Amino acid sequence: MYFTLLAIHSLLRWLVLISLVLVPIIGYTGWLTGRSFTKRDNLLRLVATTVCHIQAVVGITLYFVSPVIDYFLHNYGTAVHMRQIRFFGMEHSLMMLVAVVLVTIGSAKAKRKTADKDKFKTLAVWFTIGLVVVLLNIPWPFSPLVARPFLRGF
């Protein structure tokens, strides 16, 4: 189950990234050009938020079955000084939850706005912040201490 969840989590990362790049682009262009907020824009907002939530559920499930996290939780005093273990046990998990909360707040706020310009502005700002948090906390292959492959196989 662990390796399957890890592969799914790795695949979903790309859907999260694509959606978190598209929403701010649409947000900034709509905000700056003054165009109308369409059903397509709203659908993209909803899809991006939903993909983030699904990724969070997979990540939380992975947290409870991961041998790395098990080691972190049972050997905290030692594990907190080990960069890779601490990254997954504390930093990655906490900051990704923060990103999902930011995206969720932004989505809810934009949904409640009445003016199209305000909807776009809200999406642009909140989703950009969420995207930055995600980008900074993904274990990229080029990360010096926590490198992981771009895509994991099943």
C-alpha atoms as a PDB file:
ATOM      1  CA  MET A   1       0.000   0.000   0.000  1.00  0.00           C
ATOM      2  CA  TYR A   2       2.842   2.401   0.852  1.00  0.00           C
ATOM      3  CA  PHE A   3       4.496   2.258  -2.577  1.00  0.00           C
ATOM      4  CA  THR A   4       1.167   2.598  -4.395  1.00  0.00           C
ATOM      5  CA  LEU A   5       0.267   5.676  -2.348  1.00  0.00           C
ATOM      6  CA  LEU A   6       3.718   7.106  -2.951  1.00  0.00           C
ATOM      7  CA  ALA A   7       3.319   6.679  -6.724  1.00  0.00           C
ATOM      8  CA  ILE A   8      -0.168   8.232  -6.655  1.00  0.00           C
ATOM      9  CA  HIS A   9       1.120  11.113  -4.546  1.00  0.00           C
ATOM     10  CA  SER A  10       3.934  11.648  -7.049  1.00  0.00           C
ATOM     11  CA  LEU A  11       1.527  11.642 -10.010  1.00  0.00           C
ATOM     12  CA  LEU A  12      -0.970  13.961  -8.354  1.00  0.00           C
ATOM     13  CA  ARG A  13       1.838  16.432  -7.715  1.00  0.00           C
ATOM     14  CA  TRP A  14       1.787  17.321 -11.406  1.00  0.00           C
ATOM     15  CA  LEU A  15      -1.962  17.928 -11.452  1.00  0.00           C
ATOM     16  CA  VAL A  16      -1.603  20.139  -8.396  1.00  0.00           C
ATOM     17  CA  LEU A  17       1.246  22.094  -9.982  1.00  0.00           C
ATOM     18  CA  ILE A  18      -0.541  22.534 -13.311  1.00  0.00           C
ATOM     19  CA  SER A  19      -3.715  23.752 -11.639  1.00  0.00           C
ATOM     20  CA  LEU A  20      -1.821  26.004  -9.223  1.00  0.00           C
ATOM     21  CA  VAL A  21      -0.008  27.595 -12.149  1.00  0.00           C
ATOM     22  CA  LEU A  22      -3.134  28.037 -14.295  1.00  0.00           C
ATOM     23  CA  VAL A  23      -5.351  29.639 -11.649  1.00  0.00           C
ATOM     24  CA  PRO A  24      -2.972  32.526 -10.848  1.00  0.00           C
ATOM     25  CA  ILE A  25      -2.366  33.112 -14.571  1.00  0.00           C
ATOM     26  CA  ILE A  26      -6.103  33.357 -15.148  1.00  0.00           C
ATOM     27  CA  GLY A  27      -6.437  35.413 -11.980  1.00  0.00           C
ATOM     28  CA  TYR A  28      -3.809  37.965 -12.953  1.00  0.00           C
ATOM     29  CA  THR A  29      -4.982  38.243 -16.577  1.00  0.00           C
ATOM     30  CA  GLY A  30      -8.622  38.624 -15.536  1.00  0.00           C
ATOM     31  CA  TRP A  31      -7.735  41.120 -12.829  1.00  0.00           C
ATOM     32  CA  LEU A  32      -5.518  43.244 -15.078  1.00  0.00           C
ATOM     33  CA  THR A  33      -7.699  43.116 -18.199  1.00  0.00           C
ATOM     34  CA  GLY A  34     -11.043  43.520 -16.439  1.00  0.00           C
ATOM     35  CA  ARG A  35     -12.703  40.634 -18.236  1.00  0.00           C
ATOM     36  CA  SER A  36     -15.766  38.845 -16.904  1.00  0.00           C
ATOM     37  CA  PHE A  37     -15.461  35.894 -14.539  1.00  0.00           C
ATOM     38  CA  THR A  38     -16.843  32.947 -16.504  1.00  0.00           C
ATOM     39  CA  LYS A  39     -18.107  29.491 -15.624  1.00  0.00           C
ATOM     40  CA  ARG A  40     -14.803  28.157 -16.999  1.00  0.00           C
ATOM     41  CA  ASP A  41     -12.850  30.316 -14.547  1.00  0.00           C
ATOM     42  CA  ASN A  42     -15.021  29.099 -11.700  1.00  0.00           C
ATOM     43  CA  LEU A  43     -14.611  25.487 -12.820  1.00  0.00           C
ATOM     44  CA  LEU A  44     -10.817  25.866 -12.872  1.00  0.00           C
ATOM     45  CA  ARG A  45     -10.944  27.332  -9.344  1.00  0.00           C
ATOM     46  CA  LEU A  46     -13.011  24.370  -8.183  1.00  0.00           C
ATOM     47  CA  VAL A  47     -10.857  21.763  -9.958  1.00  0.00           C
ATOM     48  CA  ALA A  48      -7.617  23.240  -8.575  1.00  0.00           C
ATOM     49  CA  THR A  49      -8.991  23.282  -5.039  1.00  0.00           C
ATOM     50  CA  THR A  50     -10.349  19.747  -5.355  1.00  0.00           C
ATOM     51  CA  VAL A  51      -7.065  18.393  -6.727  1.00  0.00           C
ATOM     52  CA  CYS A  52      -5.232  20.015  -3.802  1.00  0.00           C
ATOM     53  CA  HIS A  53      -7.671  18.413  -1.351  1.00  0.00           C
ATOM     54  CA  ILE A  54      -7.301  14.978  -2.949  1.00  0.00           C
ATOM     55  CA  GLN A  55      -3.509  15.334  -2.809  1.00  0.00           C
ATOM     56  CA  ALA A  56      -3.785  16.319   0.862  1.00  0.00           C
ATOM     57  CA  VAL A  57      -5.863  13.224   1.662  1.00  0.00           C
ATOM     58  CA  VAL A  58      -3.355  10.985  -0.134  1.00  0.00           C
ATOM     59  CA  GLY A  59      -0.488  12.766   1.636  1.00  0.00           C
ATOM     60  CA  ILE A  60      -2.090  12.444   5.069  1.00  0.00           C
ATOM     61  CA  THR A  61      -2.767   8.758   4.432  1.00  0.00           C
ATOM     62  CA  LEU A  62       0.834   8.353   3.294  1.00  0.00           C
ATOM     63  CA  TYR A  63       1.978  10.074   6.483  1.00  0.00           C
ATOM     64  CA  PHE A  64       0.416   7.315   8.582  1.00  0.00           C
ATOM     65  CA  VAL A  65       1.834   4.382   6.595  1.00  0.00           C
ATOM     66  CA  SER A  66       5.295   5.724   5.743  1.00  0.00           C
ATOM     67  CA  PRO A  67       8.275   3.998   7.345  1.00  0.00           C
ATOM     68  CA  VAL A  68      10.126   7.335   7.254  1.00  0.00           C
ATOM     69  CA  ILE A  69       7.392   9.002   9.304  1.00  0.00           C
ATOM     70  CA  ASP A  70       7.205   6.005  11.620  1.00  0.00           C
ATOM     71  CA  TYR A  71      10.920   6.410  12.316  1.00  0.00           C
ATOM     72  CA  PHE A  72      10.479  10.177  12.780  1.00  0.00           C
ATOM     73  CA  LEU A  73       7.643   9.773  15.287  1.00  0.00           C
ATOM     74  CA  HIS A  74       9.293   7.003  17.297  1.00  0.00           C
ATOM     75  CA  ASN A  75      12.794   8.490  17.322  1.00  0.00           C
ATOM     76  CA  TYR A  76      12.028  12.198  17.384  1.00  0.00           C
ATOM     77  CA  GLY A  77      15.093  13.246  19.382  1.00  0.00           C
ATOM     78  CA  THR A  78      17.442  11.726  16.837  1.00  0.00           C
ATOM     79  CA  ALA A  79      15.284  12.114  13.724  1.00  0.00           C
ATOM     80  CA  VAL A  80      14.787  15.855  14.106  1.00  0.00           C
ATOM     81  CA  HIS A  81      18.521  16.303  13.496  1.00  0.00           C
ATOM     82  CA  MET A  82      18.459  14.223  10.292  1.00  0.00           C
ATOM     83  CA  ARG A  83      17.602  16.532   7.358  1.00  0.00           C
ATOM     84  CA  GLN A  84      15.734  14.045   5.148  1.00  0.00           C
ATOM     85  CA  ILE A  85      13.736  12.528   7.989  1.00  0.00           C
ATOM     86  CA  ARG A  86      12.874  15.938   9.449  1.00  0.00           C
ATOM     87  CA  PHE A  87      11.892  17.252   6.021  1.00  0.00           C
ATOM     88  CA  PHE A  88       9.244  14.574   5.476  1.00  0.00           C
ATOM     89  CA  GLY A  89       8.246  14.186   9.115  1.00  0.00           C
ATOM     90  CA  MET A  90       7.778  17.856   9.807  1.00  0.00           C
ATOM     91  CA  GLU A  91       8.565  20.434   7.131  1.00  0.00           C
ATOM     92  CA  HIS A  92       7.005  18.957   3.986  1.00  0.00           C
ATOM     93  CA  SER A  93       3.852  17.748   5.680  1.00  0.00           C
ATOM     94  CA  LEU A  94       3.221  20.932   7.658  1.00  0.00           C
ATOM     95  CA  MET A  95       3.947  23.346   4.814  1.00  0.00           C
ATOM     96  CA  MET A  96       1.869  21.398   2.300  1.00  0.00           C
ATOM     97  CA  LEU A  97      -1.069  21.525   4.696  1.00  0.00           C
ATOM     98  CA  VAL A  98      -0.492  25.278   4.975  1.00  0.00           C
ATOM     99  CA  ALA A  99      -0.566  25.502   1.164  1.00  0.00           C
ATOM    100  CA  VAL A 100      -3.844  23.582   0.978  1.00  0.00           C
ATOM    101  CA  VAL A 101      -5.351  25.872   3.622  1.00  0.00           C
ATOM    102  CA  LEU A 102      -4.197  28.953   1.668  1.00  0.00           C
ATOM    103  CA  VAL A 103      -5.707  27.617  -1.562  1.00  0.00           C
ATOM    104  CA  THR A 104      -8.934  26.695   0.215  1.00  0.00           C
ATOM    105  CA  ILE A 105      -9.256  30.139   1.805  1.00  0.00           C
ATOM    106  CA  GLY A 106      -8.536  31.809  -1.520  1.00  0.00           C
ATOM    107  CA  SER A 107     -11.079  29.641  -3.293  1.00  0.00           C
ATOM    108  CA  ALA A 108     -13.772  30.317  -0.691  1.00  0.00           C
ATOM    109  CA  LYS A 109     -13.088  34.055  -0.651  1.00  0.00           C
ATOM    110  CA  ALA A 110     -13.158  34.288  -4.457  1.00  0.00           C
ATOM    111  CA  LYS A 111     -16.406  32.323  -4.595  1.00  0.00           C
ATOM    112  CA  ARG A 112     -18.067  34.826  -2.267  1.00  0.00           C
ATOM    113  CA  LYS A 113     -16.887  37.961  -4.066  1.00  0.00           C
ATOM    114  CA  THR A 114     -19.483  39.691  -6.201  1.00  0.00           C
ATOM    115  CA  ALA A 115     -17.276  41.798  -8.492  1.00  0.00           C
ATOM    116  CA  ASP A 116     -15.412  39.888 -11.196  1.00  0.00           C
ATOM    117  CA  LYS A 117     -12.239  41.937 -10.686  1.00  0.00           C
ATOM    118  CA  ASP A 118     -12.270  41.037  -6.971  1.00  0.00           C
ATOM    119  CA  LYS A 119     -12.725  37.340  -7.776  1.00  0.00           C
ATOM    120  CA  PHE A 120      -9.724  37.373 -10.095  1.00  0.00           C
ATOM    121  CA  LYS A 121      -7.595  39.370  -7.666  1.00  0.00           C
ATOM    122  CA  THR A 122      -8.418  37.016  -4.796  1.00  0.00           C
ATOM    123  CA  LEU A 123      -7.568  33.943  -6.876  1.00  0.00           C
ATOM    124  CA  ALA A 124      -4.351  35.511  -8.135  1.00  0.00           C
ATOM    125  CA  VAL A 125      -3.051  36.463  -4.701  1.00  0.00           C
ATOM    126  CA  TRP A 126      -4.066  33.428  -2.620  1.00  0.00           C
ATOM    127  CA  PHE A 127      -3.226  30.798  -5.236  1.00  0.00           C
ATOM    128  CA  THR A 128       0.145  32.419  -5.962  1.00  0.00           C
ATOM    129  CA  ILE A 129       1.059  32.254  -2.285  1.00  0.00           C
ATOM    130  CA  GLY A 130      -0.129  28.629  -2.173  1.00  0.00           C
ATOM    131  CA  LEU A 131       1.913  27.824  -5.287  1.00  0.00           C
ATOM    132  CA  VAL A 132       5.071  29.361  -3.809  1.00  0.00           C
ATOM    133  CA  VAL A 133       4.666  27.333  -0.612  1.00  0.00           C
ATOM    134  CA  VAL A 134       4.193  24.153  -2.666  1.00  0.00           C
ATOM    135  CA  LEU A 135       7.172  24.844  -4.935  1.00  0.00           C
ATOM    136  CA  LEU A 136       9.442  25.466  -1.958  1.00  0.00           C
ATOM    137  CA  ASN A 137       8.443  22.236  -0.238  1.00  0.00           C
ATOM    138  CA  ILE A 138       8.483  19.660  -3.014  1.00  0.00           C
ATOM    139  CA  PRO A 139      11.468  17.295  -2.803  1.00  0.00           C
ATOM    140  CA  TRP A 140      12.737  18.085  -6.298  1.00  0.00           C
ATOM    141  CA  PRO A 141      15.387  15.886  -7.964  1.00  0.00           C
ATOM    142  CA  PHE A 142      17.789  18.834  -7.776  1.00  0.00           C
ATOM    143  CA  SER A 143      17.251  19.387  -4.047  1.00  0.00           C
ATOM    144  CA  PRO A 144      20.623  18.946  -2.370  1.00  0.00           C
ATOM    145  CA  LEU A 145      19.512  16.888   0.649  1.00  0.00           C
ATOM    146  CA  VAL A 146      16.000  15.597  -0.049  1.00  0.00           C
ATOM    147  CA  ALA A 147      16.093  14.793  -3.764  1.00  0.00           C
ATOM    148  CA  ARG A 148      13.350  12.560  -5.131  1.00  0.00           C
ATOM    149  CA  PRO A 149      12.583  11.624  -8.767  1.00  0.00           C
ATOM    150  CA  PHE A 150      10.255  13.721 -10.910  1.00  0.00           C
ATOM    151  CA  LEU A 151       7.950  10.733 -11.237  1.00  0.00           C
ATOM    152  CA  ARG A 152       7.745   7.510  -9.244  1.00  0.00           C
ATOM    153  CA  GLY A 153       6.631   4.279 -10.862  1.00  0.00           C
ATOM    154  CA  PHE A 154       4.078   1.858  -9.509  1.00  0.00           C
END
